[in-house]
C-alpha atoms as a PDB file:
ATOM      1  CA  UNK A   1       0.000   0.000   0.000  1.00  0.00           C
ATOM      2  CA  UNK A   2       1.437   3.424  -0.944  1.00  0.00           C
ATOM      3  CA  UNK A   3       2.666   5.583   1.937  1.00  0.00           C
ATOM      4  CA  UNK A   4       1.048   8.924   2.765  1.00  0.00           C
ATOM      5  CA  UNK A   5       4.092  10.760   1.411  1.00  0.00           C
ATOM      6  CA  UNK A   6       3.876   8.784  -1.856  1.00  0.00           C
ATOM      7  CA  UNK A   7       0.190   9.630  -2.209  1.00  0.00           C
ATOM      8  CA  UNK A   8       0.944  13.291  -1.509  1.00  0.00           C
ATOM      9  CA  UNK A   9       3.598  13.317  -4.253  1.00  0.00           C
ATOM     10  CA  UNK A  10       1.156  11.825  -6.734  1.00  0.00           C
ATOM     11  CA  UNK A  11      -1.466  14.423  -5.921  1.00  0.00           C
ATOM     12  CA  UNK A  12       1.111  17.194  -6.268  1.00  0.00           C
ATOM     13  CA  UNK A  13       2.419  15.837  -9.576  1.00  0.00           C
ATOM     14  CA  UNK A  14      -1.072  15.609 -11.030  1.00  0.00           C
ATOM     15  CA  UNK A  15      -2.021  19.086  -9.875  1.00  0.00           C
ATOM     16  CA  UNK A  16       1.209  20.954 -10.660  1.00  0.00           C
ATOM     17  CA  UNK A  17       3.060  18.609 -13.005  1.00  0.00           C
ATOM     18  CA  UNK A  18       6.246  16.749 -12.131  1.00  0.00           C
ATOM     19  CA  UNK A  19       9.511  18.585 -11.592  1.00  0.00           C
ATOM     20  CA  UNK A  20      10.531  17.414 -15.067  1.00  0.00           C
ATOM     21  CA  UNK A  21       7.376  18.811 -16.685  1.00  0.00           C
ATOM     22  CA  UNK A  22       7.723  22.110 -14.834  1.00  0.00           C
ATOM     23  CA  UNK A  23      11.370  22.420 -15.887  1.00  0.00           C
ATOM     24  CA  UNK A  24      10.454  21.880 -19.534  1.00  0.00           C
ATOM     25  CA  UNK A  25       7.643  24.414 -19.282  1.00  0.00           C
ATOM     26  CA  UNK A  26      10.149  27.020 -18.048  1.00  0.00           C
ATOM     27  CA  UNK A  27      12.842  26.154 -20.602  1.00  0.00           C
ATOM     28  CA  UNK A  28      13.268  28.622 -23.492  1.00  0.00           C
ATOM     29  CA  UNK A  29      12.278  27.003 -26.780  1.00  0.00           C
ATOM     30  CA  UNK A  30      15.164  28.325 -28.786  1.00  0.00           C
ATOM     31  CA  UNK A  31      16.689  26.213 -31.562  1.00  0.00           C
ATOM     32  CA  UNK A  32      19.389  23.968 -30.132  1.00  0.00           C
ATOM     33  CA  UNK A  33      18.274  24.362 -26.522  1.00  0.00           C
ATOM     34  CA  UNK A  34      20.733  22.614 -24.202  1.00  0.00           C
ATOM     35  CA  UNK A  35      19.829  20.269 -21.343  1.00  0.00           C
ATOM     36  CA  UNK A  36      22.115  18.859 -18.655  1.00  0.00           C
ATOM     37  CA  UNK A  37      21.600  15.609 -16.714  1.00  0.00           C
ATOM     38  CA  UNK A  38      23.626  14.110 -13.887  1.00  0.00           C
ATOM     39  CA  UNK A  39      23.208  10.322 -13.755  1.00  0.00           C
ATOM     40  CA  UNK A  40      24.884   7.947 -11.315  1.00  0.00           C
ATOM     41  CA  UNK A  41      22.447   5.070 -10.929  1.00  0.00           C
ATOM     42  CA  UNK A  42      22.130   1.726 -12.731  1.00  0.00           C
ATOM     43  CA  UNK A  43      22.932   0.856 -16.337  1.00  0.00           C
ATOM     44  CA  UNK A  44      19.491  -0.650 -16.941  1.00  0.00           C
ATOM     45  CA  UNK A  45      17.816   2.572 -15.905  1.00  0.00           C
ATOM     46  CA  UNK A  46      19.417   4.373 -18.841  1.00  0.00           C
ATOM     47  CA  UNK A  47      16.977   2.624 -21.177  1.00  0.00           C
ATOM     48  CA  UNK A  48      14.129   2.358 -18.685  1.00  0.00           C
ATOM     49  CA  UNK A  49      14.255   5.939 -17.447  1.00  0.00           C
ATOM     50  CA  UNK A  50      16.570   8.307 -19.248  1.00  0.00           C
ATOM     51  CA  UNK A  51      15.849   7.348 -22.863  1.00  0.00           C
ATOM     52  CA  UNK A  52      12.108   8.144 -22.525  1.00  0.00           C
ATOM     53  CA  UNK A  53      12.966  11.462 -20.861  1.00  0.00           C
ATOM     54  CA  UNK A  54      15.392  12.334 -23.638  1.00  0.00           C
ATOM     55  CA  UNK A  55      12.756  11.441 -26.239  1.00  0.00           C
ATOM     56  CA  UNK A  56      10.245  13.687 -24.474  1.00  0.00           C
ATOM     57  CA  UNK A  57      12.725  16.580 -24.640  1.00  0.00           C
ATOM     58  CA  UNK A  58      13.480  16.038 -28.318  1.00  0.00           C
ATOM     59  CA  UNK A  59       9.767  15.864 -29.133  1.00  0.00           C
ATOM     60  CA  UNK A  60       9.185  19.269 -27.551  1.00  0.00           C
ATOM     61  CA  UNK A  61      12.501  20.918 -28.405  1.00  0.00           C
ATOM     62  CA  UNK A  62      13.598  20.132 -31.974  1.00  0.00           C
ATOM     63  CA  UNK A  63      17.370  20.202 -32.266  1.00  0.00           C
ATOM     64  CA  UNK A  64      17.833  19.909 -28.499  1.00  0.00           C
ATOM     65  CA  UNK A  65      21.384  19.225 -27.281  1.00  0.00           C
ATOM     66  CA  UNK A  66      21.551  16.802 -24.333  1.00  0.00           C
ATOM     67  CA  UNK A  67      24.630  16.504 -22.114  1.00  0.00           C
ATOM     68  CA  UNK A  68      25.112  13.885 -19.393  1.00  0.00           C
ATOM     69  CA  UNK A  69      27.579  13.772 -16.514  1.00  0.00           C
ATOM     70  CA  UNK A  70      28.136  10.224 -15.293  1.00  0.00           C
ATOM     71  CA  UNK A  71      30.717   7.681 -14.096  1.00  0.00           C
ATOM     72  CA  UNK A  72      33.221   5.884 -16.343  1.00  0.00           C
ATOM     73  CA  UNK A  73      31.324   2.583 -16.219  1.00  0.00           C
ATOM     74  CA  UNK A  74      28.339   4.210 -17.947  1.00  0.00           C
ATOM     75  CA  UNK A  75      30.171   6.196 -20.616  1.00  0.00           C
ATOM     76  CA  UNK A  76      29.620   3.701 -23.441  1.00  0.00           C
ATOM     77  CA  UNK A  77      26.112   2.620 -22.364  1.00  0.00           C
ATOM     78  CA  UNK A  78      25.152   6.294 -22.302  1.00  0.00           C
ATOM     79  CA  UNK A  79      26.396   6.712 -25.865  1.00  0.00           C
ATOM     80  CA  UNK A  80      23.642   4.304 -26.958  1.00  0.00           C
ATOM     81  CA  UNK A  81      20.983   6.675 -25.600  1.00  0.00           C
ATOM     82  CA  UNK A  82      21.428   9.255 -28.372  1.00  0.00           C
ATOM     83  CA  UNK A  83      22.945  11.872 -26.089  1.00  0.00           C
ATOM     84  CA  UNK A  84      25.041  14.602 -27.657  1.00  0.00           C
ATOM     85  CA  UNK A  85      27.839  14.737 -25.085  1.00  0.00           C
ATOM     86  CA  UNK A  86      28.915  12.462 -22.227  1.00  0.00           C
ATOM     87  CA  UNK A  87      31.266  13.752 -19.526  1.00  0.00           C
ATOM     88  CA  UNK A  88      32.849  11.367 -17.027  1.00  0.00           C
ATOM     89  CA  UNK A  89      33.456  12.719 -13.534  1.00  0.00           C
ATOM     90  CA  UNK A  90      36.773  11.253 -12.348  1.00  0.00           C
ATOM     91  CA  UNK A  91      36.562   8.908  -9.368  1.00  0.00           C
ATOM     92  CA  UNK A  92      32.758   8.917  -9.234  1.00  0.00           C
ATOM     93  CA  UNK A  93      31.372   5.884  -7.367  1.00  0.00           C
ATOM     94  CA  UNK A  94      27.872   4.551  -8.043  1.00  0.00           C
ATOM     95  CA  UNK A  95      25.085   6.359  -6.142  1.00  0.00           C
ATOM     96  CA  UNK A  96      27.418   9.121  -4.930  1.00  0.00           C
ATOM     97  CA  UNK A  97      25.794  12.555  -5.110  1.00  0.00           C
ATOM     98  CA  UNK A  98      28.491  15.205  -5.502  1.00  0.00           C
ATOM     99  CA  UNK A  99      27.653  18.870  -5.654  1.00  0.00           C
ATOM    100  CA  UNK A 100      26.698  19.464  -9.284  1.00  0.00           C
ATOM    101  CA  UNK A 101      28.240  22.938  -9.391  1.00  0.00           C
ATOM    102  CA  UNK A 102      31.559  21.485  -8.241  1.00  0.00           C
ATOM    103  CA  UNK A 103      31.255  18.684 -10.822  1.00  0.00           C
ATOM    104  CA  UNK A 104      30.626  21.203 -13.590  1.00  0.00           C
ATOM    105  CA  UNK A 105      33.658  23.241 -12.564  1.00  0.00           C
ATOM    106  CA  UNK A 106      35.801  20.104 -12.603  1.00  0.00           C
ATOM    107  CA  UNK A 107      34.607  19.306 -16.121  1.00  0.00           C
ATOM    108  CA  UNK A 108      34.711  22.883 -17.420  1.00  0.00           C
ATOM    109  CA  UNK A 109      30.936  23.112 -17.898  1.00  0.00           C
ATOM    110  CA  UNK A 110      28.882  26.261 -17.290  1.00  0.00           C
ATOM    111  CA  UNK A 111      25.478  25.481 -15.793  1.00  0.00           C
ATOM    112  CA  UNK A 112      24.012  28.830 -16.827  1.00  0.00           C
ATOM    113  CA  UNK A 113      24.278  27.810 -20.465  1.00  0.00           C
ATOM    114  CA  UNK A 114      21.569  25.137 -20.138  1.00  0.00           C
ATOM    115  CA  UNK A 115      17.842  25.545 -20.609  1.00  0.00           C
ATOM    116  CA  UNK A 116      17.261  23.038 -17.789  1.00  0.00           C
ATOM    117  CA  UNK A 117      19.524  21.145 -15.399  1.00  0.00           C
ATOM    118  CA  UNK A 118      18.510  17.840 -13.775  1.00  0.00           C
ATOM    119  CA  UNK A 119      20.854  17.165 -10.892  1.00  0.00           C
ATOM    120  CA  UNK A 120      19.187  13.942  -9.742  1.00  0.00           C
ATOM    121  CA  UNK A 121      16.561  12.707 -12.222  1.00  0.00           C
ATOM    122  CA  UNK A 122      13.663  10.675 -10.835  1.00  0.00           C
ATOM    123  CA  UNK A 123      12.338   8.694 -13.849  1.00  0.00           C
ATOM    124  CA  UNK A 124      10.167   6.392 -11.735  1.00  0.00           C
ATOM    125  CA  UNK A 125       8.195   9.392 -10.547  1.00  0.00           C
ATOM    126  CA  UNK A 126       8.389  11.464 -13.724  1.00  0.00           C
ATOM    127  CA  UNK A 127       7.261   8.603 -15.985  1.00  0.00           C
ATOM    128  CA  UNK A 128       4.475   7.268 -13.784  1.00  0.00           C
ATOM    129  CA  UNK A 129       1.551   6.401 -16.040  1.00  0.00           C
ATOM    130  CA  UNK A 130       3.496   7.469 -19.154  1.00  0.00           C
ATOM    131  CA  UNK A 131       6.133   4.766 -19.605  1.00  0.00           C
ATOM    132  CA  UNK A 132       4.684   3.661 -22.942  1.00  0.00           C
ATOM    133  CA  UNK A 133       4.599   7.138 -24.454  1.00  0.00           C
ATOM    134  CA  UNK A 134       8.238   6.941 -25.549  1.00  0.00           C
ATOM    135  CA  UNK A 135       9.331   3.279 -25.865  1.00  0.00           C
ATOM    136  CA  UNK A 136      13.052   2.810 -25.129  1.00  0.00           C
ATOM    137  CA  UNK A 137      15.529   2.214 -27.946  1.00  0.00           C
ATOM    138  CA  UNK A 138      19.288   1.808 -27.603  1.00  0.00           C
ATOM    139  CA  UNK A 139      21.428   2.584 -30.641  1.00  0.00           C
ATOM    140  CA  UNK A 140      23.674  -0.209 -31.917  1.00  0.00           C
ATOM    141  CA  UNK A 141      27.159   0.860 -33.018  1.00  0.00           C
ATOM    142  CA  UNK A 142      28.145  -1.049 -36.214  1.00  0.00           C
ATOM    143  CA  UNK A 143      31.785  -0.764 -35.147  1.00  0.00           C
ATOM    144  CA  UNK A 144      31.033  -3.396 -32.482  1.00  0.00           C
ATOM    145  CA  UNK A 145      29.848  -6.043 -34.941  1.00  0.00           C
ATOM    146  CA  UNK A 146      33.103  -7.993 -35.195  1.00  0.00           C
ATOM    147  CA  UNK A 147      34.139  -7.817 -31.542  1.00  0.00           C
ATOM    148  CA  UNK A 148      32.646 -11.194 -30.610  1.00  0.00           C
ATOM    149  CA  UNK A 149      35.251 -13.046 -32.698  1.00  0.00           C
ATOM    150  CA  UNK A 150      38.059 -12.406 -30.224  1.00  0.00           C
ATOM    151  CA  UNK A 151      36.248 -13.544 -27.082  1.00  0.00           C
ATOM    152  CA  UNK A 152      33.745 -16.129 -28.331  1.00  0.00           C
ATOM    153  CA  UNK A 153      34.679 -17.678 -31.692  1.00  0.00           C
ATOM    154  CA  UNK A 154      31.904 -19.687 -33.344  1.00  0.00           C
ATOM    155  CA  UNK A 155      31.786 -23.185 -31.862  1.00  0.00           C
ATOM    156  CA  UNK A 156      29.094 -24.838 -33.960  1.00  0.00           C
ATOM    157  CA  UNK A 157      27.000 -25.335 -30.828  1.00  0.00           C
ATOM    158  CA  UNK A 158      23.827 -23.549 -29.757  1.00  0.00           C
ATOM    159  CA  UNK A 159      25.127 -20.686 -27.606  1.00  0.00           C
ATOM    160  CA  UNK A 160      23.010 -19.742 -24.607  1.00  0.00           C
ATOM    161  CA  UNK A 161      24.051 -16.810 -22.451  1.00  0.00           C
ATOM    162  CA  UNK A 162      23.694 -17.071 -18.688  1.00  0.00           C
ATOM    163  CA  UNK A 163      23.939 -13.893 -16.632  1.00  0.00           C
ATOM    164  CA  UNK A 164      24.459 -15.724 -13.378  1.00  0.00           C
ATOM    165  CA  UNK A 165      24.624 -12.616 -11.172  1.00  0.00           C
ATOM    166  CA  UNK A 166      23.016  -9.207 -11.604  1.00  0.00           C
ATOM    167  CA  UNK A 167      25.995  -7.798  -9.660  1.00  0.00           C
ATOM    168  CA  UNK A 168      23.812  -5.008  -8.268  1.00  0.00           C
ATOM    169  CA  UNK A 169      21.878  -6.932  -5.609  1.00  0.00           C
ATOM    170  CA  UNK A 170      23.298  -4.800  -2.788  1.00  0.00           C
ATOM    171  CA  UNK A 171      21.427  -1.752  -4.105  1.00  0.00           C
ATOM    172  CA  UNK A 172      17.996  -3.354  -3.779  1.00  0.00           C
ATOM    173  CA  UNK A 173      15.828  -4.485  -0.887  1.00  0.00           C
ATOM    174  CA  UNK A 174      14.993  -7.884  -2.364  1.00  0.00           C
ATOM    175  CA  UNK A 175      16.777 -10.892  -3.823  1.00  0.00           C
ATOM    176  CA  UNK A 176      17.455 -10.450  -7.560  1.00  0.00           C
ATOM    177  CA  UNK A 177      19.744 -13.387  -8.285  1.00  0.00           C
ATOM    178  CA  UNK A 178      18.933 -17.038  -8.831  1.00  0.00           C
ATOM    179  CA  UNK A 179      21.055 -19.276  -6.558  1.00  0.00           C
ATOM    180  CA  UNK A 180      24.312 -20.632  -7.941  1.00  0.00           C
ATOM    181  CA  UNK A 181      23.165 -24.199  -7.248  1.00  0.00           C
ATOM    182  CA  UNK A 182      20.116 -23.634  -9.455  1.00  0.00           C
ATOM    183  CA  UNK A 183      22.268 -22.329 -12.292  1.00  0.00           C
ATOM    184  CA  UNK A 184      24.525 -25.367 -12.021  1.00  0.00           C
ATOM    185  CA  UNK A 185      21.529 -27.693 -12.095  1.00  0.00           C
ATOM    186  CA  UNK A 186      20.293 -25.935 -15.243  1.00  0.00           C
ATOM    187  CA  UNK A 187      23.678 -26.344 -16.929  1.00  0.00           C
ATOM    188  CA  UNK A 188      23.679 -30.033 -15.972  1.00  0.00           C
ATOM    189  CA  UNK A 189      20.321 -30.490 -17.739  1.00  0.00           C
ATOM    190  CA  UNK A 190      21.844 -29.291 -21.018  1.00  0.00           C
ATOM    191  CA  UNK A 191      25.304 -30.907 -21.241  1.00  0.00           C
ATOM    192  CA  UNK A 192      27.498 -30.996 -24.327  1.00  0.00           C
ATOM    193  CA  UNK A 193      25.621 -33.895 -26.034  1.00  0.00           C
ATOM    194  CA  UNK A 194      22.526 -31.669 -26.282  1.00  0.00           C
ATOM    195  CA  UNK A 195      24.469 -29.353 -28.598  1.00  0.00           C
ATOM    196  CA  UNK A 196      24.409 -26.457 -26.121  1.00  0.00           C
ATOM    197  CA  UNK A 197      27.291 -24.169 -25.227  1.00  0.00           C
ATOM    198  CA  UNK A 198      26.768 -22.084 -22.093  1.00  0.00           C
ATOM    199  CA  UNK A 199      28.423 -18.659 -22.135  1.00  0.00           C
ATOM    200  CA  UNK A 200      28.617 -17.072 -18.685  1.00  0.00           C
ATOM    201  CA  UNK A 201      28.237 -13.287 -18.826  1.00  0.00           C
ATOM    202  CA  UNK A 202      29.167 -10.654 -16.273  1.00  0.00           C
ATOM    203  CA  UNK A 203      31.947  -8.643 -14.721  1.00  0.00           C
ATOM    204  CA  UNK A 204      33.197 -10.877 -11.910  1.00  0.00           C
ATOM    205  CA  UNK A 205      33.790 -14.646 -11.839  1.00  0.00           C
ATOM    206  CA  UNK A 206      32.670 -15.147  -8.263  1.00  0.00           C
ATOM    207  CA  UNK A 207      30.969 -18.566  -8.147  1.00  0.00           C
ATOM    208  CA  UNK A 208      32.555 -21.470 -10.055  1.00  0.00           C
ATOM    209  CA  UNK A 209      30.497 -23.549 -12.498  1.00  0.00           C
ATOM    210  CA  UNK A 210      31.502 -26.906 -13.919  1.00  0.00           C
ATOM    211  CA  UNK A 211      30.796 -28.404 -17.321  1.00  0.00           C
ATOM    212  CA  UNK A 212      32.819 -29.126 -20.439  1.00  0.00           C
ATOM    213  CA  UNK A 213      30.353 -26.994 -22.409  1.00  0.00           C
ATOM    214  CA  UNK A 214      30.483 -24.033 -19.971  1.00  0.00           C
ATOM    215  CA  UNK A 215      32.644 -21.126 -21.161  1.00  0.00           C
ATOM    216  CA  UNK A 216      33.197 -18.416 -18.571  1.00  0.00           C
ATOM    217  CA  UNK A 217      33.366 -14.975 -20.184  1.00  0.00           C
ATOM    218  CA  UNK A 218      32.921 -13.112 -16.896  1.00  0.00           C
ATOM    219  CA  UNK A 219      35.543 -10.401 -16.601  1.00  0.00           C
ATOM    220  CA  UNK A 220      36.864 -11.147 -20.106  1.00  0.00           C
ATOM    221  CA  UNK A 221      34.633  -8.815 -22.116  1.00  0.00           C
ATOM    222  CA  UNK A 222      34.367  -5.065 -22.155  1.00  0.00           C
ATOM    223  CA  UNK A 223      30.937  -3.548 -22.715  1.00  0.00           C
ATOM    224  CA  UNK A 224      30.969  -3.478 -26.551  1.00  0.00           C
ATOM    225  CA  UNK A 225      32.347  -7.044 -26.736  1.00  0.00           C
ATOM    226  CA  UNK A 226      29.669  -8.283 -24.364  1.00  0.00           C
ATOM    227  CA  UNK A 227      26.935  -6.810 -26.522  1.00  0.00           C
ATOM    228  CA  UNK A 228      28.581  -8.211 -29.650  1.00  0.00           C
ATOM    229  CA  UNK A 229      28.470 -11.691 -28.071  1.00  0.00           C
ATOM    230  CA  UNK A 230      24.778 -11.223 -27.287  1.00  0.00           C
ATOM    231  CA  UNK A 231      23.957 -10.042 -30.785  1.00  0.00           C
ATOM    232  CA  UNK A 232      26.176 -12.299 -32.878  1.00  0.00           C
ATOM    233  CA  UNK A 233      26.636 -15.485 -30.841  1.00  0.00           C
ATOM    234  CA  UNK A 234      23.661 -16.127 -28.588  1.00  0.00           C
ATOM    235  CA  UNK A 235      20.531 -17.957 -29.601  1.00  0.00           C
ATOM    236  CA  UNK A 236      19.063 -17.445 -26.133  1.00  0.00           C
ATOM    237  CA  UNK A 237      19.765 -15.402 -23.006  1.00  0.00           C
ATOM    238  CA  UNK A 238      18.790 -16.458 -19.486  1.00  0.00           C
ATOM    239  CA  UNK A 239      19.084 -13.573 -17.035  1.00  0.00           C
ATOM    240  CA  UNK A 240      17.639 -11.973 -13.920  1.00  0.00           C
ATOM    241  CA  UNK A 241      16.498  -8.353 -13.905  1.00  0.00           C
ATOM    242  CA  UNK A 242      19.745  -6.540 -14.673  1.00  0.00           C
ATOM    243  CA  UNK A 243      21.447  -3.977 -16.853  1.00  0.00           C
ATOM    244  CA  UNK A 244      22.500  -6.722 -19.269  1.00  0.00           C
ATOM    245  CA  UNK A 245      18.933  -7.994 -19.610  1.00  0.00           C
ATOM    246  CA  UNK A 246      17.519  -4.503 -20.142  1.00  0.00           C
ATOM    247  CA  UNK A 247      20.195  -3.470 -22.622  1.00  0.00           C
ATOM    248  CA  UNK A 248      19.810  -6.662 -24.663  1.00  0.00           C
ATOM    249  CA  UNK A 249      16.020  -6.275 -24.637  1.00  0.00           C
ATOM    250  CA  UNK A 250      16.033  -2.684 -25.903  1.00  0.00           C
ATOM    251  CA  UNK A 251      18.776  -2.939 -28.538  1.00  0.00           C
ATOM    252  CA  UNK A 252      17.482  -1.209 -31.654  1.00  0.00           C
ATOM    253  CA  UNK A 253      18.688  -3.921 -34.015  1.00  0.00           C
ATOM    254  CA  UNK A 254      17.164  -6.921 -35.731  1.00  0.00           C
ATOM    255  CA  UNK A 255      18.635 -10.288 -34.703  1.00  0.00           C
ATOM    256  CA  UNK A 256      17.087 -13.520 -33.413  1.00  0.00           C
ATOM    257  CA  UNK A 257      17.229 -13.868 -29.637  1.00  0.00           C
ATOM    258  CA  UNK A 258      15.051 -15.743 -27.174  1.00  0.00           C
ATOM    259  CA  UNK A 259      15.136 -14.142 -23.726  1.00  0.00           C
ATOM    260  CA  UNK A 260      14.172 -16.116 -20.632  1.00  0.00           C
ATOM    261  CA  UNK A 261      14.037 -13.623 -17.776  1.00  0.00           C
ATOM    262  CA  UNK A 262      13.962 -14.590 -14.089  1.00  0.00           C
ATOM    263  CA  UNK A 263      12.041 -12.415 -11.629  1.00  0.00           C
ATOM    264  CA  UNK A 264      11.600 -12.061  -7.930  1.00  0.00           C
ATOM    265  CA  UNK A 265       9.766  -8.734  -8.114  1.00  0.00           C
ATOM    266  CA  UNK A 266       7.718  -8.421 -11.332  1.00  0.00           C
ATOM    267  CA  UNK A 267       7.119  -4.703 -10.729  1.00  0.00           C
ATOM    268  CA  UNK A 268      10.608  -3.856 -11.929  1.00  0.00           C
ATOM    269  CA  UNK A 269      12.643  -3.566 -15.105  1.00  0.00           C
ATOM    270  CA  UNK A 270      11.297  -4.408 -18.537  1.00  0.00           C
ATOM    271  CA  UNK A 271       8.154  -5.948 -17.020  1.00  0.00           C
ATOM    272  CA  UNK A 272       7.306  -2.669 -15.304  1.00  0.00           C
ATOM    273  CA  UNK A 273       8.183  -0.655 -18.419  1.00  0.00           C
ATOM    274  CA  UNK A 274       5.621  -2.618 -20.428  1.00  0.00           C
ATOM    275  CA  UNK A 275       7.115  -1.708 -23.829  1.00  0.00           C
ATOM    276  CA  UNK A 276       7.912  -4.196 -26.559  1.00  0.00           C
ATOM    277  CA  UNK A 277      11.492  -4.663 -27.677  1.00  0.00           C
ATOM    278  CA  UNK A 278      12.425  -2.693 -30.809  1.00  0.00           C
ATOM    279  CA  UNK A 279      14.001  -5.930 -32.044  1.00  0.00           C
ATOM    280  CA  UNK A 280      11.282  -7.655 -34.107  1.00  0.00           C
ATOM    281  CA  UNK A 281      13.070 -11.015 -33.823  1.00  0.00           C
ATOM    282  CA  UNK A 282      13.328 -11.040 -30.030  1.00  0.00           C
ATOM    283  CA  UNK A 283      10.975 -13.285 -28.083  1.00  0.00           C
ATOM    284  CA  UNK A 284      10.496 -12.859 -24.357  1.00  0.00           C
ATOM    285  CA  UNK A 285       9.648 -15.611 -21.877  1.00  0.00           C
ATOM    286  CA  UNK A 286       9.454 -14.109 -18.359  1.00  0.00           C
ATOM    287  CA  UNK A 287       9.286 -16.375 -15.304  1.00  0.00           C
ATOM    288  CA  UNK A 288       8.051 -14.903 -12.007  1.00  0.00           C
ATOM    289  CA  UNK A 289       9.034 -16.849  -8.898  1.00  0.00           C
ATOM    290  CA  UNK A 290       6.418 -18.132  -6.438  1.00  0.00           C
ATOM    291  CA  UNK A 291       5.968 -15.744  -3.539  1.00  0.00           C
ATOM    292  CA  UNK A 292       8.224 -13.266  -5.387  1.00  0.00           C
ATOM    293  CA  UNK A 293      11.266 -15.152  -4.052  1.00  0.00           C
ATOM    294  CA  UNK A 294      13.564 -15.915  -6.971  1.00  0.00           C
ATOM    295  CA  UNK A 295      15.212 -18.716  -4.984  1.00  0.00           C
ATOM    296  CA  UNK A 296      11.921 -20.627  -5.297  1.00  0.00           C
ATOM    297  CA  UNK A 297      12.022 -20.587  -9.080  1.00  0.00           C
ATOM    298  CA  UNK A 298      12.309 -24.231 -10.109  1.00  0.00           C
ATOM    299  CA  UNK A 299      15.092 -25.423 -12.392  1.00  0.00           C
ATOM    300  CA  UNK A 300      12.539 -27.549 -14.250  1.00  0.00           C
ATOM    301  CA  UNK A 301      10.495 -24.451 -15.075  1.00  0.00           C
ATOM    302  CA  UNK A 302      13.498 -22.573 -16.472  1.00  0.00           C
ATOM    303  CA  UNK A 303      14.513 -25.633 -18.499  1.00  0.00           C
ATOM    304  CA  UNK A 304      10.966 -25.939 -19.839  1.00  0.00           C
ATOM    305  CA  UNK A 305      10.957 -22.260 -20.819  1.00  0.00           C
ATOM    306  CA  UNK A 306      14.197 -22.758 -22.737  1.00  0.00           C
ATOM    307  CA  UNK A 307      12.744 -25.745 -24.576  1.00  0.00           C
ATOM    308  CA  UNK A 308       9.607 -23.738 -25.367  1.00  0.00           C
ATOM    309  CA  UNK A 309      11.671 -21.117 -27.195  1.00  0.00           C
ATOM    310  CA  UNK A 310      12.297 -23.600 -30.027  1.00  0.00           C
ATOM    311  CA  UNK A 311      15.975 -22.625 -29.922  1.00  0.00           C
ATOM    312  CA  UNK A 312      16.876 -26.167 -28.825  1.00  0.00           C
ATOM    313  CA  UNK A 313      16.013 -29.337 -30.723  1.00  0.00           C
ATOM    314  CA  UNK A 314      13.178 -31.464 -29.263  1.00  0.00           C
ATOM    315  CA  UNK A 315      14.288 -33.877 -26.557  1.00  0.00           C
END
């Protein structure tokens, strides 16, 4: 049940408009109007939150110039959001909230030159009830097309990506990740004789997984290479709610991919956004755990969802 403060915010937003709407109403509508955003949250929220806000600005301000200040980790993901300039604040840690004026001075930016400045955007609030107005799209860079060759050469097997850890669980108040034992049991159900090759995706190889058809790419791919593997190697992707899942889902490119997503809380991520993928060849097979506890998601159900994608031959 919403809190009293949440209800009060909704009433205020409906009566006066959100802070985002009010800022746009005040912004001068000159050609090439400039907008500044500071963003230091998750990668997935670039597509889920920022891209719709940017699209709203461009719809109302033709020729708008959008600048983002962020951390190094998000520099390339932000470039997929059709921003005009990305500035990386040195040493910025996720969720830190430095003084924006100090950040601008460090980067040589003048705040007074912008039609509107958003020091801590709140897309969840600003997009409430309007998430489908501007469906997310993330631009694919053709320069990344050949990057998969170096890290995941073609094997002749059916490549299935497994994002075994969202790597952001500490920022949320609920369990996002499927247990390592469940992942291992899934891999064991599709050993090498089934024609499957499991590619483990992520930044850190924390848990160990066995299998002569399990290739661990964790920590071995930079961001463009990871996306190249998803686009040019994978037939299917199994992943919890994460930046990798969201980015793969909203890639504005046409390539066959079956996505099996694993959910504890279905009121998050691409399920909450409610927008179709811009990829016409992507199919989505979401699995919501009983009692919204992802640890209770059965291995048999995930295996059945994979088989239902028609990516694998009948067993």
